[in-house]
Amino acid sequence: MEDRNIDQVVVMGHSILGVDKAYYSDIFVPKFKNCRWSFYYHSDACLIEAKEFVRQFEIGDFEFVAW
């Protein structure tokens, strides 16, 4: 995975704690943890999941965006 010039991670409509959690845990978060993360959510359940993701993976720079 090429990471040059990547300073923001945008997550939209993705299973961040479901079936895709291992992908984030093993590959994506270790490589991009220090980037700005934007989580787009469309329901209260998705917002709760995004907040839990931030807590579990100790993401420091993030925002939640309703869409």
PDB file of N, CA and C in Angstrom:
ATOM      1  N   MET A   1       0.855  -1.175   0.000  1.00  0.00           N
ATOM      2  CA  MET A   1       0.000   0.000   0.000  1.00  0.00           C
ATOM      3  C   MET A   1       0.898   1.234   0.000  1.00  0.00           C
ATOM      4  N   GLU A   2       0.751   2.039  -0.972  1.00  0.00           N
ATOM      5  CA  GLU A   2       1.526   3.277  -1.110  1.00  0.00           C
ATOM      6  C   GLU A   2       0.896   4.345  -0.219  1.00  0.00           C
ATOM      7  N   ASP A   3       1.684   4.981   0.628  1.00  0.00           N
ATOM      8  CA  ASP A   3       1.112   5.960   1.551  1.00  0.00           C
ATOM      9  C   ASP A   3       1.656   7.370   1.374  1.00  0.00           C
ATOM     10  N   ARG A   4       2.395   7.612   0.345  1.00  0.00           N
ATOM     11  CA  ARG A   4       2.898   8.967   0.112  1.00  0.00           C
ATOM     12  C   ARG A   4       1.744   9.946  -0.061  1.00  0.00           C
ATOM     13  N   ASN A   5       1.883  11.096   0.580  1.00  0.00           N
ATOM     14  CA  ASN A   5       0.925  12.185   0.458  1.00  0.00           C
ATOM     15  C   ASN A   5      -0.444  11.893   1.058  1.00  0.00           C
ATOM     16  N   ILE A   6      -0.589  10.861   1.832  1.00  0.00           N
ATOM     17  CA  ILE A   6      -1.870  10.582   2.479  1.00  0.00           C
ATOM     18  C   ILE A   6      -1.862  11.242   3.849  1.00  0.00           C
ATOM     19  N   ASP A   7      -2.786  12.186   4.047  1.00  0.00           N
ATOM     20  CA  ASP A   7      -2.862  12.858   5.335  1.00  0.00           C
ATOM     21  C   ASP A   7      -4.258  12.792   5.945  1.00  0.00           C
ATOM     22  N   GLN A   8      -5.196  12.147   5.218  1.00  0.00           N
ATOM     23  CA  GLN A   8      -6.551  12.011   5.728  1.00  0.00           C
ATOM     24  C   GLN A   8      -7.130  10.671   5.299  1.00  0.00           C
ATOM     25  N   VAL A   9      -7.865  10.053   6.225  1.00  0.00           N
ATOM     26  CA  VAL A   9      -8.586   8.818   5.946  1.00  0.00           C
ATOM     27  C   VAL A   9     -10.070   9.147   6.043  1.00  0.00           C
ATOM     28  N   VAL A  10     -10.835   8.822   5.004  1.00  0.00           N
ATOM     29  CA  VAL A  10     -12.277   9.067   4.987  1.00  0.00           C
ATOM     30  C   VAL A  10     -12.981   7.718   4.978  1.00  0.00           C
ATOM     31  N   VAL A  11     -13.863   7.522   5.958  1.00  0.00           N
ATOM     32  CA  VAL A  11     -14.603   6.273   6.080  1.00  0.00           C
ATOM     33  C   VAL A  11     -16.076   6.569   5.857  1.00  0.00           C
ATOM     34  N   MET A  12     -16.648   5.944   4.821  1.00  0.00           N
ATOM     35  CA  MET A  12     -18.070   6.136   4.494  1.00  0.00           C
ATOM     36  C   MET A  12     -18.696   4.774   4.218  1.00  0.00           C
ATOM     37  N   GLY A  13     -19.733   4.440   4.958  1.00  0.00           N
ATOM     38  CA  GLY A  13     -20.487   3.219   4.685  1.00  0.00           C
ATOM     39  C   GLY A  13     -19.657   1.957   4.748  1.00  0.00           C
ATOM     40  N   HIS A  14     -18.811   1.850   5.747  1.00  0.00           N
ATOM     41  CA  HIS A  14     -17.916   0.711   5.849  1.00  0.00           C
ATOM     42  C   HIS A  14     -18.135   0.016   7.175  1.00  0.00           C
ATOM     43  N   SER A  15     -17.992  -1.276   7.204  1.00  0.00           N
ATOM     44  CA  SER A  15     -18.143  -2.053   8.430  1.00  0.00           C
ATOM     45  C   SER A  15     -16.851  -2.000   9.231  1.00  0.00           C
ATOM     46  N   ILE A  16     -16.656  -0.942   9.984  1.00  0.00           N
ATOM     47  CA  ILE A  16     -15.375  -0.731  10.651  1.00  0.00           C
ATOM     48  C   ILE A  16     -15.151  -1.632  11.852  1.00  0.00           C
ATOM     49  N   LEU A  17     -16.218  -2.100  12.475  1.00  0.00           N
ATOM     50  CA  LEU A  17     -16.054  -3.010  13.601  1.00  0.00           C
ATOM     51  C   LEU A  17     -16.627  -4.388  13.310  1.00  0.00           C
ATOM     52  N   GLY A  18     -17.192  -4.573  12.156  1.00  0.00           N
ATOM     53  CA  GLY A  18     -17.750  -5.867  11.773  1.00  0.00           C
ATOM     54  C   GLY A  18     -16.728  -6.707  11.047  1.00  0.00           C
ATOM     55  N   VAL A  19     -17.097  -7.177   9.888  1.00  0.00           N
ATOM     56  CA  VAL A  19     -16.230  -8.073   9.126  1.00  0.00           C
ATOM     57  C   VAL A  19     -14.926  -7.417   8.696  1.00  0.00           C
ATOM     58  N   ASP A  20     -14.884  -6.096   8.636  1.00  0.00           N
ATOM     59  CA  ASP A  20     -13.673  -5.396   8.193  1.00  0.00           C
ATOM     60  C   ASP A  20     -12.729  -5.011   9.340  1.00  0.00           C
ATOM     61  N   LYS A  21     -13.089  -5.338  10.571  1.00  0.00           N
ATOM     62  CA  LYS A  21     -12.274  -4.930  11.713  1.00  0.00           C
ATOM     63  C   LYS A  21     -10.841  -5.459  11.617  1.00  0.00           C
ATOM     64  N   ALA A  22     -10.670  -6.692  11.209  1.00  0.00           N
ATOM     65  CA  ALA A  22      -9.323  -7.272  11.111  1.00  0.00           C
ATOM     66  C   ALA A  22      -8.480  -6.496  10.104  1.00  0.00           C
ATOM     67  N   TYR A  23      -9.069  -6.101   9.001  1.00  0.00           N
ATOM     68  CA  TYR A  23      -8.357  -5.302   7.991  1.00  0.00           C
ATOM     69  C   TYR A  23      -7.861  -3.995   8.601  1.00  0.00           C
ATOM     70  N   TYR A  24      -8.742  -3.308   9.319  1.00  0.00           N
ATOM     71  CA  TYR A  24      -8.343  -2.059   9.963  1.00  0.00           C
ATOM     72  C   TYR A  24      -7.272  -2.315  11.021  1.00  0.00           C
ATOM     73  N   SER A  25      -7.492  -3.311  11.851  1.00  0.00           N
ATOM     74  CA  SER A  25      -6.590  -3.607  12.956  1.00  0.00           C
ATOM     75  C   SER A  25      -5.189  -4.003  12.494  1.00  0.00           C
ATOM     76  N   ASP A  26      -5.118  -4.841  11.492  1.00  0.00           N
ATOM     77  CA  ASP A  26      -3.834  -5.400  11.058  1.00  0.00           C
ATOM     78  C   ASP A  26      -3.099  -4.544  10.028  1.00  0.00           C
ATOM     79  N   ILE A  27      -3.829  -3.808   9.221  1.00  0.00           N
ATOM     80  CA  ILE A  27      -3.195  -3.110   8.099  1.00  0.00           C
ATOM     81  C   ILE A  27      -3.396  -1.605   8.145  1.00  0.00           C
ATOM     82  N   PHE A  28      -4.645  -1.193   8.170  1.00  0.00           N
ATOM     83  CA  PHE A  28      -4.948   0.212   7.935  1.00  0.00           C
ATOM     84  C   PHE A  28      -4.599   1.128   9.107  1.00  0.00           C
ATOM     85  N   VAL A  29      -5.032   0.784  10.311  1.00  0.00           N
ATOM     86  CA  VAL A  29      -4.766   1.658  11.459  1.00  0.00           C
ATOM     87  C   VAL A  29      -3.268   1.780  11.746  1.00  0.00           C
ATOM     88  N   PRO A  30      -2.512   0.682  11.780  1.00  0.00           N
ATOM     89  CA  PRO A  30      -1.073   0.855  12.040  1.00  0.00           C
ATOM     90  C   PRO A  30      -0.385   1.779  11.033  1.00  0.00           C
ATOM     91  N   LYS A  31      -0.811   1.762   9.804  1.00  0.00           N
ATOM     92  CA  LYS A  31      -0.159   2.555   8.764  1.00  0.00           C
ATOM     93  C   LYS A  31      -0.628   4.020   8.763  1.00  0.00           C
ATOM     94  N   PHE A  32      -1.891   4.265   9.127  1.00  0.00           N
ATOM     95  CA  PHE A  32      -2.464   5.611   8.997  1.00  0.00           C
ATOM     96  C   PHE A  32      -3.020   6.173  10.309  1.00  0.00           C
ATOM     97  N   LYS A  33      -2.625   5.624  11.432  1.00  0.00           N
ATOM     98  CA  LYS A  33      -3.167   6.058  12.715  1.00  0.00           C
ATOM     99  C   LYS A  33      -2.974   7.552  12.964  1.00  0.00           C
ATOM    100  N   ASN A  34      -1.871   8.109  12.513  1.00  0.00           N
ATOM    101  CA  ASN A  34      -1.568   9.516  12.784  1.00  0.00           C
ATOM    102  C   ASN A  34      -2.147  10.487  11.762  1.00  0.00           C
ATOM    103  N   CYS A  35      -2.933   9.994  10.840  1.00  0.00           N
ATOM    104  CA  CYS A  35      -3.620  10.856   9.873  1.00  0.00           C
ATOM    105  C   CYS A  35      -4.897  11.413  10.496  1.00  0.00           C
ATOM    106  N   ARG A  36      -5.488  12.375   9.833  1.00  0.00           N
ATOM    107  CA  ARG A  36      -6.820  12.871  10.207  1.00  0.00           C
ATOM    108  C   ARG A  36      -7.838  11.863   9.696  1.00  0.00           C
ATOM    109  N   TRP A  37      -8.756  11.417  10.552  1.00  0.00           N
ATOM    110  CA  TRP A  37      -9.790  10.454  10.182  1.00  0.00           C
ATOM    111  C   TRP A  37     -11.138  11.166  10.166  1.00  0.00           C
ATOM    112  N   SER A  38     -11.899  10.980   9.090  1.00  0.00           N
ATOM    113  CA  SER A  38     -13.259  11.515   8.982  1.00  0.00           C
ATOM    114  C   SER A  38     -14.213  10.342   8.834  1.00  0.00           C
ATOM    115  N   PHE A  39     -15.137  10.230   9.758  1.00  0.00           N
ATOM    116  CA  PHE A  39     -16.127   9.157   9.743  1.00  0.00           C
ATOM    117  C   PHE A  39     -17.478   9.747   9.352  1.00  0.00           C
ATOM    118  N   TYR A  40     -17.993   9.344   8.219  1.00  0.00           N
ATOM    119  CA  TYR A  40     -19.306   9.783   7.764  1.00  0.00           C
ATOM    120  C   TYR A  40     -20.326   8.753   8.232  1.00  0.00           C
ATOM    121  N   TYR A  41     -21.386   9.229   8.862  1.00  0.00           N
ATOM    122  CA  TYR A  41     -22.396   8.314   9.403  1.00  0.00           C
ATOM    123  C   TYR A  41     -23.787   8.765   8.972  1.00  0.00           C
ATOM    124  N   HIS A  42     -24.714   7.815   8.905  1.00  0.00           N
ATOM    125  CA  HIS A  42     -26.077   8.144   8.470  1.00  0.00           C
ATOM    126  C   HIS A  42     -27.136   7.696   9.476  1.00  0.00           C
ATOM    127  N   SER A  43     -26.693   7.157  10.604  1.00  0.00           N
ATOM    128  CA  SER A  43     -27.646   6.763  11.642  1.00  0.00           C
ATOM    129  C   SER A  43     -26.950   6.828  12.994  1.00  0.00           C
ATOM    130  N   ASP A  44     -27.748   6.812  14.049  1.00  0.00           N
ATOM    131  CA  ASP A  44     -27.176   6.816  15.392  1.00  0.00           C
ATOM    132  C   ASP A  44     -26.304   5.584  15.626  1.00  0.00           C
ATOM    133  N   ALA A  45     -26.725   4.447  15.090  1.00  0.00           N
ATOM    134  CA  ALA A  45     -25.951   3.215  15.254  1.00  0.00           C
ATOM    135  C   ALA A  45     -24.579   3.326  14.602  1.00  0.00           C
ATOM    136  N   CYS A  46     -24.518   3.950  13.440  1.00  0.00           N
ATOM    137  CA  CYS A  46     -23.233   4.139  12.747  1.00  0.00           C
ATOM    138  C   CYS A  46     -22.335   5.105  13.517  1.00  0.00           C
ATOM    139  N   LEU A  47     -22.923   6.130  14.112  1.00  0.00           N
ATOM    140  CA  LEU A  47     -22.147   7.073  14.913  1.00  0.00           C
ATOM    141  C   LEU A  47     -21.570   6.378  16.144  1.00  0.00           C
ATOM    142  N   ILE A  48     -22.371   5.566  16.785  1.00  0.00           N
ATOM    143  CA  ILE A  48     -21.899   4.813  17.955  1.00  0.00           C
ATOM    144  C   ILE A  48     -20.745   3.900  17.560  1.00  0.00           C
ATOM    145  N   GLU A  49     -20.871   3.230  16.426  1.00  0.00           N
ATOM    146  CA  GLU A  49     -19.812   2.348  15.949  1.00  0.00           C
ATOM    147  C   GLU A  49     -18.532   3.136  15.654  1.00  0.00           C
ATOM    148  N   ALA A  50     -18.658   4.296  15.038  1.00  0.00           N
ATOM    149  CA  ALA A  50     -17.490   5.130  14.737  1.00  0.00           C
ATOM    150  C   ALA A  50     -16.814   5.601  16.025  1.00  0.00           C
ATOM    151  N   LYS A  51     -17.588   5.995  16.999  1.00  0.00           N
ATOM    152  CA  LYS A  51     -17.022   6.421  18.279  1.00  0.00           C
ATOM    153  C   LYS A  51     -16.297   5.271  18.969  1.00  0.00           C
ATOM    154  N   GLU A  52     -16.851   4.082  18.891  1.00  0.00           N
ATOM    155  CA  GLU A  52     -16.208   2.914  19.480  1.00  0.00           C
ATOM    156  C   GLU A  52     -14.914   2.575  18.746  1.00  0.00           C
ATOM    157  N   PHE A  53     -14.904   2.725  17.444  1.00  0.00           N
ATOM    158  CA  PHE A  53     -13.693   2.502  16.647  1.00  0.00           C
ATOM    159  C   PHE A  53     -12.583   3.450  17.099  1.00  0.00           C
ATOM    160  N   VAL A  54     -12.921   4.728  17.242  1.00  0.00           N
ATOM    161  CA  VAL A  54     -11.953   5.734  17.679  1.00  0.00           C
ATOM    162  C   VAL A  54     -11.404   5.368  19.056  1.00  0.00           C
ATOM    163  N   ARG A  55     -12.276   4.922  19.939  1.00  0.00           N
ATOM    164  CA  ARG A  55     -11.851   4.538  21.282  1.00  0.00           C
ATOM    165  C   ARG A  55     -10.943   3.304  21.239  1.00  0.00           C
ATOM    166  N   GLN A  56     -11.367   2.273  20.536  1.00  0.00           N
ATOM    167  CA  GLN A  56     -10.607   1.023  20.502  1.00  0.00           C
ATOM    168  C   GLN A  56      -9.228   1.195  19.890  1.00  0.00           C
ATOM    169  N   PHE A  57      -9.151   1.978  18.830  1.00  0.00           N
ATOM    170  CA  PHE A  57      -7.888   2.123  18.117  1.00  0.00           C
ATOM    171  C   PHE A  57      -7.114   3.385  18.510  1.00  0.00           C
ATOM    172  N   GLU A  58      -7.644   4.103  19.500  1.00  0.00           N
ATOM    173  CA  GLU A  58      -6.984   5.298  20.029  1.00  0.00           C
ATOM    174  C   GLU A  58      -6.603   6.289  18.931  1.00  0.00           C
ATOM    175  N   ILE A  59      -7.576   6.565  18.059  1.00  0.00           N
ATOM    176  CA  ILE A  59      -7.387   7.555  16.995  1.00  0.00           C
ATOM    177  C   ILE A  59      -7.435   8.937  17.645  1.00  0.00           C
ATOM    178  N   GLY A  60      -6.430   9.750  17.406  1.00  0.00           N
ATOM    179  CA  GLY A  60      -6.343  11.046  18.082  1.00  0.00           C
ATOM    180  C   GLY A  60      -6.930  12.205  17.310  1.00  0.00           C
ATOM    181  N   ASP A  61      -6.871  12.156  15.992  1.00  0.00           N
ATOM    182  CA  ASP A  61      -7.325  13.271  15.158  1.00  0.00           C
ATOM    183  C   ASP A  61      -8.476  12.775  14.297  1.00  0.00           C
ATOM    184  N   PHE A  62      -9.694  13.147  14.660  1.00  0.00           N
ATOM    185  CA  PHE A  62     -10.863  12.601  13.962  1.00  0.00           C
ATOM    186  C   PHE A  62     -12.014  13.595  13.984  1.00  0.00           C
ATOM    187  N   GLU A  63     -12.980  13.324  13.113  1.00  0.00           N
ATOM    188  CA  GLU A  63     -14.243  14.063  13.096  1.00  0.00           C
ATOM    189  C   GLU A  63     -15.351  13.109  12.686  1.00  0.00           C
ATOM    190  N   PHE A  64     -16.565  13.420  13.112  1.00  0.00           N
ATOM    191  CA  PHE A  64     -17.754  12.671  12.729  1.00  0.00           C
ATOM    192  C   PHE A  64     -18.620  13.603  11.899  1.00  0.00           C
ATOM    193  N   VAL A  65     -19.057  13.127  10.738  1.00  0.00           N
ATOM    194  CA  VAL A  65     -19.809  13.966   9.817  1.00  0.00           C
ATOM    195  C   VAL A  65     -21.108  13.257   9.449  1.00  0.00           C
ATOM    196  N   ALA A  66     -22.237  13.911   9.700  1.00  0.00           N
ATOM    197  CA  ALA A  66     -23.539  13.349   9.314  1.00  0.00           C
ATOM    198  C   ALA A  66     -23.721  13.504   7.807  1.00  0.00           C
ATOM    199  N   TRP A  67     -24.255  12.453   7.166  1.00  0.00           N
ATOM    200  CA  TRP A  67     -24.539  12.540   5.727  1.00  0.00           C
ATOM    201  C   TRP A  67     -25.792  11.787   5.378  1.00  0.00           C
TER     202      TRP A  67
END
